[in-house]
Amino acid sequence: MSETLTVSRYSYSIKLIGVLATAAGTRQVSIDSETELSLNDVISGLLSQVDKRQFKELLIDSATNNPLPNVIMLLDEQDCNLFQGLRTMLDSETVVTIIPVAHGG
């Protein structure tokens, strides 16, 4: 008797707005994982994938080592602070949109 083991793969879609898209060189990034990730994990994966100093400086506040002072993060168009902030667990259908605090209207 044989069993088939299936590994669920999660794919997270991140939309970058304004100077973040310019610094990253793209408006959308996908992060793949075999496990469900928190918003913080997705941000870590984003930083690893983009791997550009200017992008990291725009995204992460150097004093707090946290992105929230510099950006607004939306989870399916709702502020992540309405949930558990960076600790929010995301399913693969969640669209993460990152908007710089200093942005045009």
PDB file of N, CA and C in Angstrom:
ATOM      1  N   MET A   1       0.851  -1.175   0.000  1.00  0.00           N
ATOM      2  CA  MET A   1       0.000   0.000   0.000  1.00  0.00           C
ATOM      3  C   MET A   1       0.900   1.242   0.000  1.00  0.00           C
ATOM      4  N   SER A   2       0.656   2.155  -0.903  1.00  0.00           N
ATOM      5  CA  SER A   2       1.475   3.364  -0.940  1.00  0.00           C
ATOM      6  C   SER A   2       0.604   4.581  -0.656  1.00  0.00           C
ATOM      7  N   GLU A   3       1.232   5.533  -0.025  1.00  0.00           N
ATOM      8  CA  GLU A   3       0.535   6.783   0.275  1.00  0.00           C
ATOM      9  C   GLU A   3       1.153   7.895  -0.553  1.00  0.00           C
ATOM     10  N   THR A   4       0.331   8.822  -0.935  1.00  0.00           N
ATOM     11  CA  THR A   4       0.826   9.979  -1.662  1.00  0.00           C
ATOM     12  C   THR A   4       0.846  11.162  -0.715  1.00  0.00           C
ATOM     13  N   LEU A   5       2.003  11.755  -0.616  1.00  0.00           N
ATOM     14  CA  LEU A   5       2.153  12.914   0.249  1.00  0.00           C
ATOM     15  C   LEU A   5       2.065  14.168  -0.614  1.00  0.00           C
ATOM     16  N   THR A   6       1.138  15.039  -0.295  1.00  0.00           N
ATOM     17  CA  THR A   6       1.026  16.290  -1.039  1.00  0.00           C
ATOM     18  C   THR A   6       1.504  17.425  -0.154  1.00  0.00           C
ATOM     19  N   VAL A   7       2.292  18.277  -0.731  1.00  0.00           N
ATOM     20  CA  VAL A   7       2.811  19.424  -0.006  1.00  0.00           C
ATOM     21  C   VAL A   7       2.056  20.651  -0.499  1.00  0.00           C
ATOM     22  N   SER A   8       1.378  21.309   0.416  1.00  0.00           N
ATOM     23  CA  SER A   8       0.669  22.535   0.043  1.00  0.00           C
ATOM     24  C   SER A   8       1.700  23.633  -0.176  1.00  0.00           C
ATOM     25  N   ARG A   9       1.546  24.330  -1.247  1.00  0.00           N
ATOM     26  CA  ARG A   9       2.419  25.462  -1.499  1.00  0.00           C
ATOM     27  C   ARG A   9       1.591  26.734  -1.450  1.00  0.00           C
ATOM     28  N   TYR A  10       2.142  27.693  -0.807  1.00  0.00           N
ATOM     29  CA  TYR A  10       1.492  28.992  -0.698  1.00  0.00           C
ATOM     30  C   TYR A  10       2.250  29.972  -1.589  1.00  0.00           C
ATOM     31  N   SER A  11       1.517  30.827  -2.259  1.00  0.00           N
ATOM     32  CA  SER A  11       2.115  31.873  -3.071  1.00  0.00           C
ATOM     33  C   SER A  11       1.488  33.194  -2.638  1.00  0.00           C
ATOM     34  N   TYR A  12       2.328  34.091  -2.181  1.00  0.00           N
ATOM     35  CA  TYR A  12       1.862  35.378  -1.667  1.00  0.00           C
ATOM     36  C   TYR A  12       2.174  36.471  -2.683  1.00  0.00           C
ATOM     37  N   SER A  13       1.175  37.288  -2.979  1.00  0.00           N
ATOM     38  CA  SER A  13       1.317  38.370  -3.944  1.00  0.00           C
ATOM     39  C   SER A  13       1.476  39.692  -3.200  1.00  0.00           C
ATOM     40  N   ILE A  14       2.546  40.425  -3.527  1.00  0.00           N
ATOM     41  CA  ILE A  14       2.816  41.714  -2.893  1.00  0.00           C
ATOM     42  C   ILE A  14       2.840  42.784  -3.965  1.00  0.00           C
ATOM     43  N   LYS A  15       1.997  43.800  -3.800  1.00  0.00           N
ATOM     44  CA  LYS A  15       1.975  44.936  -4.717  1.00  0.00           C
ATOM     45  C   LYS A  15       2.756  46.072  -4.075  1.00  0.00           C
ATOM     46  N   LEU A  16       3.663  46.659  -4.844  1.00  0.00           N
ATOM     47  CA  LEU A  16       4.478  47.775  -4.369  1.00  0.00           C
ATOM     48  C   LEU A  16       4.024  49.047  -5.073  1.00  0.00           C
ATOM     49  N   ILE A  17       3.868  50.112  -4.309  1.00  0.00           N
ATOM     50  CA  ILE A  17       3.361  51.379  -4.829  1.00  0.00           C
ATOM     51  C   ILE A  17       4.465  52.440  -4.777  1.00  0.00           C
ATOM     52  N   GLY A  18       4.467  53.324  -5.752  1.00  0.00           N
ATOM     53  CA  GLY A  18       5.332  54.502  -5.758  1.00  0.00           C
ATOM     54  C   GLY A  18       6.817  54.198  -5.762  1.00  0.00           C
ATOM     55  N   VAL A  19       7.551  54.895  -4.880  1.00  0.00           N
ATOM     56  CA  VAL A  19       9.008  54.767  -4.854  1.00  0.00           C
ATOM     57  C   VAL A  19       9.456  53.348  -4.501  1.00  0.00           C
ATOM     58  N   LEU A  20       8.609  52.586  -3.809  1.00  0.00           N
ATOM     59  CA  LEU A  20       8.979  51.202  -3.493  1.00  0.00           C
ATOM     60  C   LEU A  20       9.061  50.370  -4.775  1.00  0.00           C
ATOM     61  N   ALA A  21       8.111  50.564  -5.683  1.00  0.00           N
ATOM     62  CA  ALA A  21       8.132  49.857  -6.968  1.00  0.00           C
ATOM     63  C   ALA A  21       9.351  50.279  -7.782  1.00  0.00           C
ATOM     64  N   THR A  22       9.650  51.562  -7.768  1.00  0.00           N
ATOM     65  CA  THR A  22      10.810  52.070  -8.496  1.00  0.00           C
ATOM     66  C   THR A  22      12.097  51.465  -7.937  1.00  0.00           C
ATOM     67  N   ALA A  23      12.241  51.471  -6.615  1.00  0.00           N
ATOM     68  CA  ALA A  23      13.450  50.940  -5.978  1.00  0.00           C
ATOM     69  C   ALA A  23      13.593  49.436  -6.190  1.00  0.00           C
ATOM     70  N   ALA A  24      12.472  48.721  -6.208  1.00  0.00           N
ATOM     71  CA  ALA A  24      12.504  47.265  -6.400  1.00  0.00           C
ATOM     72  C   ALA A  24      12.665  46.889  -7.869  1.00  0.00           C
ATOM     73  N   GLY A  25      12.299  47.807  -8.758  1.00  0.00           N
ATOM     74  CA  GLY A  25      12.368  47.516 -10.186  1.00  0.00           C
ATOM     75  C   GLY A  25      11.158  46.730 -10.681  1.00  0.00           C
ATOM     76  N   THR A  26      10.119  46.634  -9.856  1.00  0.00           N
ATOM     77  CA  THR A  26       8.901  45.921 -10.228  1.00  0.00           C
ATOM     78  C   THR A  26       7.750  46.400  -9.350  1.00  0.00           C
ATOM     79  N   ARG A  27       6.535  46.251  -9.851  1.00  0.00           N
ATOM     80  CA  ARG A  27       5.351  46.645  -9.082  1.00  0.00           C
ATOM     81  C   ARG A  27       4.739  45.475  -8.331  1.00  0.00           C
ATOM     82  N   GLN A  28       5.145  44.252  -8.671  1.00  0.00           N
ATOM     83  CA  GLN A  28       4.561  43.091  -8.008  1.00  0.00           C
ATOM     84  C   GLN A  28       5.632  42.025  -7.792  1.00  0.00           C
ATOM     85  N   VAL A  29       5.591  41.421  -6.607  1.00  0.00           N
ATOM     86  CA  VAL A  29       6.529  40.361  -6.247  1.00  0.00           C
ATOM     87  C   VAL A  29       5.716  39.206  -5.691  1.00  0.00           C
ATOM     88  N   SER A  30       6.119  37.990  -6.019  1.00  0.00           N
ATOM     89  CA  SER A  30       5.486  36.798  -5.449  1.00  0.00           C
ATOM     90  C   SER A  30       6.482  36.086  -4.550  1.00  0.00           C
ATOM     91  N   ILE A  31       5.999  35.664  -3.396  1.00  0.00           N
ATOM     92  CA  ILE A  31       6.814  34.898  -2.447  1.00  0.00           C
ATOM     93  C   ILE A  31       6.171  33.523  -2.330  1.00  0.00           C
ATOM     94  N   ASP A  32       6.936  32.478  -2.571  1.00  0.00           N
ATOM     95  CA  ASP A  32       6.428  31.112  -2.464  1.00  0.00           C
ATOM     96  C   ASP A  32       6.930  30.465  -1.185  1.00  0.00           C
ATOM     97  N   SER A  33       6.070  29.647  -0.586  1.00  0.00           N
ATOM     98  CA  SER A  33       6.421  28.961   0.653  1.00  0.00           C
ATOM     99  C   SER A  33       5.666  27.648   0.736  1.00  0.00           C
ATOM    100  N   GLU A  34       6.217  26.721   1.463  1.00  0.00           N
ATOM    101  CA  GLU A  34       5.524  25.455   1.691  1.00  0.00           C
ATOM    102  C   GLU A  34       4.638  25.523   2.925  1.00  0.00           C
ATOM    103  N   THR A  35       4.755  26.613   3.680  1.00  0.00           N
ATOM    104  CA  THR A  35       3.948  26.773   4.891  1.00  0.00           C
ATOM    105  C   THR A  35       3.256  28.128   4.869  1.00  0.00           C
ATOM    106  N   GLU A  36       2.246  28.261   5.701  1.00  0.00           N
ATOM    107  CA  GLU A  36       1.546  29.531   5.860  1.00  0.00           C
ATOM    108  C   GLU A  36       2.500  30.517   6.543  1.00  0.00           C
ATOM    109  N   LEU A  37       2.536  31.735   6.056  1.00  0.00           N
ATOM    110  CA  LEU A  37       3.458  32.734   6.589  1.00  0.00           C
ATOM    111  C   LEU A  37       2.710  33.882   7.260  1.00  0.00           C
ATOM    112  N   SER A  38       3.406  34.524   8.184  1.00  0.00           N
ATOM    113  CA  SER A  38       2.892  35.759   8.780  1.00  0.00           C
ATOM    114  C   SER A  38       3.291  36.918   7.862  1.00  0.00           C
ATOM    115  N   LEU A  39       2.696  38.075   8.083  1.00  0.00           N
ATOM    116  CA  LEU A  39       3.063  39.258   7.314  1.00  0.00           C
ATOM    117  C   LEU A  39       4.552  39.557   7.507  1.00  0.00           C
ATOM    118  N   ASN A  40       5.054  39.399   8.720  1.00  0.00           N
ATOM    119  CA  ASN A  40       6.472  39.630   8.985  1.00  0.00           C
ATOM    120  C   ASN A  40       7.350  38.693   8.157  1.00  0.00           C
ATOM    121  N   ASP A  41       6.957  37.414   8.052  1.00  0.00           N
ATOM    122  CA  ASP A  41       7.702  36.448   7.238  1.00  0.00           C
ATOM    123  C   ASP A  41       7.689  36.848   5.759  1.00  0.00           C
ATOM    124  N   VAL A  42       6.543  37.325   5.289  1.00  0.00           N
ATOM    125  CA  VAL A  42       6.424  37.744   3.893  1.00  0.00           C
ATOM    126  C   VAL A  42       7.336  38.944   3.628  1.00  0.00           C
ATOM    127  N   ILE A  43       7.395  39.880   4.581  1.00  0.00           N
ATOM    128  CA  ILE A  43       8.279  41.051   4.434  1.00  0.00           C
ATOM    129  C   ILE A  43       9.737  40.600   4.399  1.00  0.00           C
ATOM    130  N   SER A  44      10.111  39.656   5.244  1.00  0.00           N
ATOM    131  CA  SER A  44      11.486  39.117   5.229  1.00  0.00           C
ATOM    132  C   SER A  44      11.797  38.477   3.886  1.00  0.00           C
ATOM    133  N   GLY A  45      10.850  37.703   3.358  1.00  0.00           N
ATOM    134  CA  GLY A  45      11.030  37.088   2.050  1.00  0.00           C
ATOM    135  C   GLY A  45      11.137  38.122   0.945  1.00  0.00           C
ATOM    136  N   LEU A  46      10.349  39.181   1.051  1.00  0.00           N
ATOM    137  CA  LEU A  46      10.392  40.270   0.077  1.00  0.00           C
ATOM    138  C   LEU A  46      11.771  40.926   0.074  1.00  0.00           C
ATOM    139  N   LEU A  47      12.301  41.200   1.264  1.00  0.00           N
ATOM    140  CA  LEU A  47      13.627  41.820   1.365  1.00  0.00           C
ATOM    141  C   LEU A  47      14.711  40.914   0.785  1.00  0.00           C
ATOM    142  N   SER A  48      14.589  39.614   1.013  1.00  0.00           N
ATOM    143  CA  SER A  48      15.562  38.664   0.455  1.00  0.00           C
ATOM    144  C   SER A  48      15.469  38.605  -1.062  1.00  0.00           C
ATOM    145  N   GLN A  49      14.253  38.619  -1.570  1.00  0.00           N
ATOM    146  CA  GLN A  49      14.052  38.491  -3.005  1.00  0.00           C
ATOM    147  C   GLN A  49      14.473  39.749  -3.756  1.00  0.00           C
ATOM    148  N   VAL A  50      14.126  40.917  -3.230  1.00  0.00           N
ATOM    149  CA  VAL A  50      14.476  42.171  -3.910  1.00  0.00           C
ATOM    150  C   VAL A  50      15.961  42.474  -3.718  1.00  0.00           C
ATOM    151  N   ASP A  51      16.469  42.351  -2.500  1.00  0.00           N
ATOM    152  CA  ASP A  51      17.895  42.471  -2.176  1.00  0.00           C
ATOM    153  C   ASP A  51      18.561  43.709  -2.773  1.00  0.00           C
ATOM    154  N   LYS A  52      17.927  44.860  -2.563  1.00  0.00           N
ATOM    155  CA  LYS A  52      18.501  46.137  -2.995  1.00  0.00           C
ATOM    156  C   LYS A  52      18.523  47.061  -1.787  1.00  0.00           C
ATOM    157  N   ARG A  53      19.673  47.690  -1.550  1.00  0.00           N
ATOM    158  CA  ARG A  53      19.854  48.536  -0.371  1.00  0.00           C
ATOM    159  C   ARG A  53      18.837  49.676  -0.310  1.00  0.00           C
ATOM    160  N   GLN A  54      18.630  50.356  -1.430  1.00  0.00           N
ATOM    161  CA  GLN A  54      17.693  51.483  -1.449  1.00  0.00           C
ATOM    162  C   GLN A  54      16.279  51.028  -1.093  1.00  0.00           C
ATOM    163  N   PHE A  55      15.874  49.869  -1.603  1.00  0.00           N
ATOM    164  CA  PHE A  55      14.546  49.335  -1.290  1.00  0.00           C
ATOM    165  C   PHE A  55      14.407  49.089   0.208  1.00  0.00           C
ATOM    166  N   LYS A  56      15.410  48.453   0.805  1.00  0.00           N
ATOM    167  CA  LYS A  56      15.369  48.171   2.244  1.00  0.00           C
ATOM    168  C   LYS A  56      15.321  49.463   3.046  1.00  0.00           C
ATOM    169  N   GLU A  57      16.106  50.462   2.646  1.00  0.00           N
ATOM    170  CA  GLU A  57      16.110  51.740   3.362  1.00  0.00           C
ATOM    171  C   GLU A  57      14.754  52.439   3.289  1.00  0.00           C
ATOM    172  N   LEU A  58      14.065  52.309   2.168  1.00  0.00           N
ATOM    173  CA  LEU A  58      12.732  52.902   2.037  1.00  0.00           C
ATOM    174  C   LEU A  58      11.681  52.133   2.836  1.00  0.00           C
ATOM    175  N   LEU A  59      11.841  50.818   2.904  1.00  0.00           N
ATOM    176  CA  LEU A  59      10.837  49.965   3.550  1.00  0.00           C
ATOM    177  C   LEU A  59      10.998  49.887   5.067  1.00  0.00           C
ATOM    178  N   ILE A  60      12.206  49.687   5.530  1.00  0.00           N
ATOM    179  CA  ILE A  60      12.452  49.426   6.955  1.00  0.00           C
ATOM    180  C   ILE A  60      12.962  50.679   7.661  1.00  0.00           C
ATOM    181  N   ASP A  61      12.315  51.058   8.746  1.00  0.00           N
ATOM    182  CA  ASP A  61      12.753  52.184   9.573  1.00  0.00           C
ATOM    183  C   ASP A  61      14.020  51.768  10.318  1.00  0.00           C
ATOM    184  N   SER A  62      15.101  52.508  10.122  1.00  0.00           N
ATOM    185  CA  SER A  62      16.388  52.117  10.709  1.00  0.00           C
ATOM    186  C   SER A  62      16.392  52.202  12.232  1.00  0.00           C
ATOM    187  N   ALA A  63      15.613  53.078  12.822  1.00  0.00           N
ATOM    188  CA  ALA A  63      15.601  53.225  14.279  1.00  0.00           C
ATOM    189  C   ALA A  63      14.867  52.077  14.966  1.00  0.00           C
ATOM    190  N   THR A  64      13.801  51.581  14.330  1.00  0.00           N
ATOM    191  CA  THR A  64      12.986  50.540  14.974  1.00  0.00           C
ATOM    192  C   THR A  64      13.149  49.159  14.327  1.00  0.00           C
ATOM    193  N   ASN A  65      13.831  49.109  13.168  1.00  0.00           N
ATOM    194  CA  ASN A  65      13.966  47.869  12.388  1.00  0.00           C
ATOM    195  C   ASN A  65      12.592  47.277  12.059  1.00  0.00           C
ATOM    196  N   ASN A  66      11.657  48.161  11.776  1.00  0.00           N
ATOM    197  CA  ASN A  66      10.264  47.796  11.551  1.00  0.00           C
ATOM    198  C   ASN A  66       9.761  48.591  10.340  1.00  0.00           C
ATOM    199  N   PRO A  67       8.972  47.976   9.462  1.00  0.00           N
ATOM    200  CA  PRO A  67       8.496  48.722   8.293  1.00  0.00           C
ATOM    201  C   PRO A  67       7.337  49.677   8.581  1.00  0.00           C
ATOM    202  N   LEU A  68       6.605  49.474   9.665  1.00  0.00           N
ATOM    203  CA  LEU A  68       5.357  50.219   9.861  1.00  0.00           C
ATOM    204  C   LEU A  68       5.498  51.740   9.990  1.00  0.00           C
ATOM    205  N   PRO A  69       6.604  52.286  10.506  1.00  0.00           N
ATOM    206  CA  PRO A  69       6.694  53.755  10.483  1.00  0.00           C
ATOM    207  C   PRO A  69       6.813  54.330   9.067  1.00  0.00           C
ATOM    208  N   ASN A  70       7.315  53.541   8.120  1.00  0.00           N
ATOM    209  CA  ASN A  70       7.591  54.039   6.772  1.00  0.00           C
ATOM    210  C   ASN A  70       6.506  53.739   5.752  1.00  0.00           C
ATOM    211  N   VAL A  71       5.689  52.718   6.018  1.00  0.00           N
ATOM    212  CA  VAL A  71       4.726  52.280   5.013  1.00  0.00           C
ATOM    213  C   VAL A  71       3.373  51.942   5.637  1.00  0.00           C
ATOM    214  N   ILE A  72       2.364  51.946   4.784  1.00  0.00           N
ATOM    215  CA  ILE A  72       1.042  51.438   5.136  1.00  0.00           C
ATOM    216  C   ILE A  72       0.931  50.086   4.458  1.00  0.00           C
ATOM    217  N   MET A  73       0.576  49.057   5.217  1.00  0.00           N
ATOM    218  CA  MET A  73       0.435  47.727   4.636  1.00  0.00           C
ATOM    219  C   MET A  73      -1.019  47.323   4.658  1.00  0.00           C
ATOM    220  N   LEU A  74      -1.529  47.042   3.478  1.00  0.00           N
ATOM    221  CA  LEU A  74      -2.918  46.625   3.338  1.00  0.00           C
ATOM    222  C   LEU A  74      -2.977  45.128   3.064  1.00  0.00           C
ATOM    223  N   LEU A  75      -3.909  44.470   3.717  1.00  0.00           N
ATOM    224  CA  LEU A  75      -4.193  43.057   3.480  1.00  0.00           C
ATOM    225  C   LEU A  75      -5.582  43.016   2.869  1.00  0.00           C
ATOM    226  N   ASP A  76      -5.660  42.687   1.595  1.00  0.00           N
ATOM    227  CA  ASP A  76      -6.930  42.750   0.861  1.00  0.00           C
ATOM    228  C   ASP A  76      -7.612  44.102   1.064  1.00  0.00           C
ATOM    229  N   GLU A  77      -6.827  45.162   0.916  1.00  0.00           N
ATOM    230  CA  GLU A  77      -7.290  46.546   0.975  1.00  0.00           C
ATOM    231  C   GLU A  77      -7.718  47.011   2.365  1.00  0.00           C
ATOM    232  N   GLN A  78      -7.315  46.284   3.416  1.00  0.00           N
ATOM    233  CA  GLN A  78      -7.588  46.703   4.799  1.00  0.00           C
ATOM    234  C   GLN A  78      -6.266  46.812   5.549  1.00  0.00           C
ATOM    235  N   ASP A  79      -6.122  47.873   6.338  1.00  0.00           N
ATOM    236  CA  ASP A  79      -4.892  48.112   7.080  1.00  0.00           C
ATOM    237  C   ASP A  79      -4.542  46.908   7.957  1.00  0.00           C
ATOM    238  N   CYS A  80      -3.283  46.492   7.908  1.00  0.00           N
ATOM    239  CA  CYS A  80      -2.849  45.317   8.682  1.00  0.00           C
ATOM    240  C   CYS A  80      -3.030  45.530  10.184  1.00  0.00           C
ATOM    241  N   ASN A  81      -3.072  46.794  10.619  1.00  0.00           N
ATOM    242  CA  ASN A  81      -3.253  47.076  12.052  1.00  0.00           C
ATOM    243  C   ASN A  81      -4.670  46.759  12.532  1.00  0.00           C
ATOM    244  N   LEU A  82      -5.596  46.541  11.610  1.00  0.00           N
ATOM    245  CA  LEU A  82      -6.941  46.099  11.992  1.00  0.00           C
ATOM    246  C   LEU A  82      -6.921  44.631  12.416  1.00  0.00           C
ATOM    247  N   PHE A  83      -5.847  43.934  12.070  1.00  0.00           N
ATOM    248  CA  PHE A  83      -5.694  42.518  12.409  1.00  0.00           C
ATOM    249  C   PHE A  83      -4.642  42.419  13.523  1.00  0.00           C
ATOM    250  N   GLN A  84      -3.595  41.668  13.311  1.00  0.00           N
ATOM    251  CA  GLN A  84      -2.523  41.567  14.315  1.00  0.00           C
ATOM    252  C   GLN A  84      -1.220  42.164  13.815  1.00  0.00           C
ATOM    253  N   GLY A  85      -1.314  43.195  12.983  1.00  0.00           N
ATOM    254  CA  GLY A  85      -0.113  43.864  12.485  1.00  0.00           C
ATOM    255  C   GLY A  85       0.789  42.891  11.750  1.00  0.00           C
ATOM    256  N   LEU A  86       2.079  42.951  12.049  1.00  0.00           N
ATOM    257  CA  LEU A  86       3.055  42.095  11.379  1.00  0.00           C
ATOM    258  C   LEU A  86       2.914  40.625  11.753  1.00  0.00           C
ATOM    259  N   ARG A  87       2.208  40.338  12.833  1.00  0.00           N
ATOM    260  CA  ARG A  87       2.021  38.937  13.264  1.00  0.00           C
ATOM    261  C   ARG A  87       0.839  38.264  12.567  1.00  0.00           C
ATOM    262  N   THR A  88       0.096  39.003  11.764  1.00  0.00           N
ATOM    263  CA  THR A  88      -1.070  38.447  11.070  1.00  0.00           C
ATOM    264  C   THR A  88      -0.650  37.286  10.174  1.00  0.00           C
ATOM    265  N   MET A  89      -1.302  36.147  10.339  1.00  0.00           N
ATOM    266  CA  MET A  89      -1.053  34.999   9.462  1.00  0.00           C
ATOM    267  C   MET A  89      -1.848  35.201   8.168  1.00  0.00           C
ATOM    268  N   LEU A  90      -1.205  34.947   7.044  1.00  0.00           N
ATOM    269  CA  LEU A  90      -1.815  35.199   5.749  1.00  0.00           C
ATOM    270  C   LEU A  90      -2.124  33.901   5.031  1.00  0.00           C
ATOM    271  N   ASP A  91      -3.272  33.870   4.351  1.00  0.00           N
ATOM    272  CA  ASP A  91      -3.501  32.743   3.454  1.00  0.00           C
ATOM    273  C   ASP A  91      -3.034  33.176   2.066  1.00  0.00           C
ATOM    274  N   SER A  92      -2.883  32.242   1.167  1.00  0.00           N
ATOM    275  CA  SER A  92      -2.260  32.562  -0.119  1.00  0.00           C
ATOM    276  C   SER A  92      -3.133  33.438  -1.011  1.00  0.00           C
ATOM    277  N   GLU A  93      -4.395  33.599  -0.688  1.00  0.00           N
ATOM    278  CA  GLU A  93      -5.245  34.482  -1.485  1.00  0.00           C
ATOM    279  C   GLU A  93      -5.133  35.948  -1.050  1.00  0.00           C
ATOM    280  N   THR A  94      -4.521  36.191   0.095  1.00  0.00           N
ATOM    281  CA  THR A  94      -4.387  37.555   0.592  1.00  0.00           C
ATOM    282  C   THR A  94      -3.441  38.348  -0.298  1.00  0.00           C
ATOM    283  N   VAL A  95      -3.894  39.516  -0.746  1.00  0.00           N
ATOM    284  CA  VAL A  95      -3.041  40.413  -1.519  1.00  0.00           C
ATOM    285  C   VAL A  95      -2.485  41.456  -0.552  1.00  0.00           C
ATOM    286  N   VAL A  96      -1.163  41.537  -0.488  1.00  0.00           N
ATOM    287  CA  VAL A  96      -0.477  42.503   0.368  1.00  0.00           C
ATOM    288  C   VAL A  96      -0.096  43.691  -0.504  1.00  0.00           C
ATOM    289  N   THR A  97      -0.555  44.872  -0.121  1.00  0.00           N
ATOM    290  CA  THR A  97      -0.198  46.100  -0.838  1.00  0.00           C
ATOM    291  C   THR A  97       0.615  46.968   0.116  1.00  0.00           C
ATOM    292  N   ILE A  98       1.761  47.437  -0.346  1.00  0.00           N
ATOM    293  CA  ILE A  98       2.642  48.257   0.499  1.00  0.00           C
ATOM    294  C   ILE A  98       2.751  49.638  -0.117  1.00  0.00           C
ATOM    295  N   ILE A  99       2.339  50.646   0.663  1.00  0.00           N
ATOM    296  CA  ILE A  99       2.290  52.027   0.205  1.00  0.00           C
ATOM    297  C   ILE A  99       3.215  52.870   1.086  1.00  0.00           C
ATOM    298  N   PRO A 100       4.144  53.618   0.497  1.00  0.00           N
ATOM    299  CA  PRO A 100       4.983  54.499   1.308  1.00  0.00           C
ATOM    300  C   PRO A 100       4.122  55.540   2.025  1.00  0.00           C
ATOM    301  N   VAL A 101       4.500  55.887   3.250  1.00  0.00           N
ATOM    302  CA  VAL A 101       3.752  56.898   4.000  1.00  0.00           C
ATOM    303  C   VAL A 101       3.771  58.223   3.250  1.00  0.00           C
ATOM    304  N   ALA A 102       4.927  58.571   2.685  1.00  0.00           N
ATOM    305  CA  ALA A 102       5.027  59.786   1.866  1.00  0.00           C
ATOM    306  C   ALA A 102       4.715  59.393   0.424  1.00  0.00           C
ATOM    307  N   HIS A 103       3.469  59.599   0.023  1.00  0.00           N
ATOM    308  CA  HIS A 103       3.049  59.213  -1.327  1.00  0.00           C
ATOM    309  C   HIS A 103       2.122  60.276  -1.896  1.00  0.00           C
ATOM    310  N   GLY A 104       2.043  60.296  -3.194  1.00  0.00           N
ATOM    311  CA  GLY A 104       1.155  61.243  -3.865  1.00  0.00           C
ATOM    312  C   GLY A 104      -0.278  60.746  -3.856  1.00  0.00           C
ATOM    313  N   GLY A 105      -1.201  61.631  -4.066  1.00  0.00           N
ATOM    314  CA  GLY A 105      -2.607  61.261  -4.036  1.00  0.00           C
ATOM    315  C   GLY A 105      -3.166  61.233  -5.359  1.00  0.00           C
TER     316      GLY A 105
END
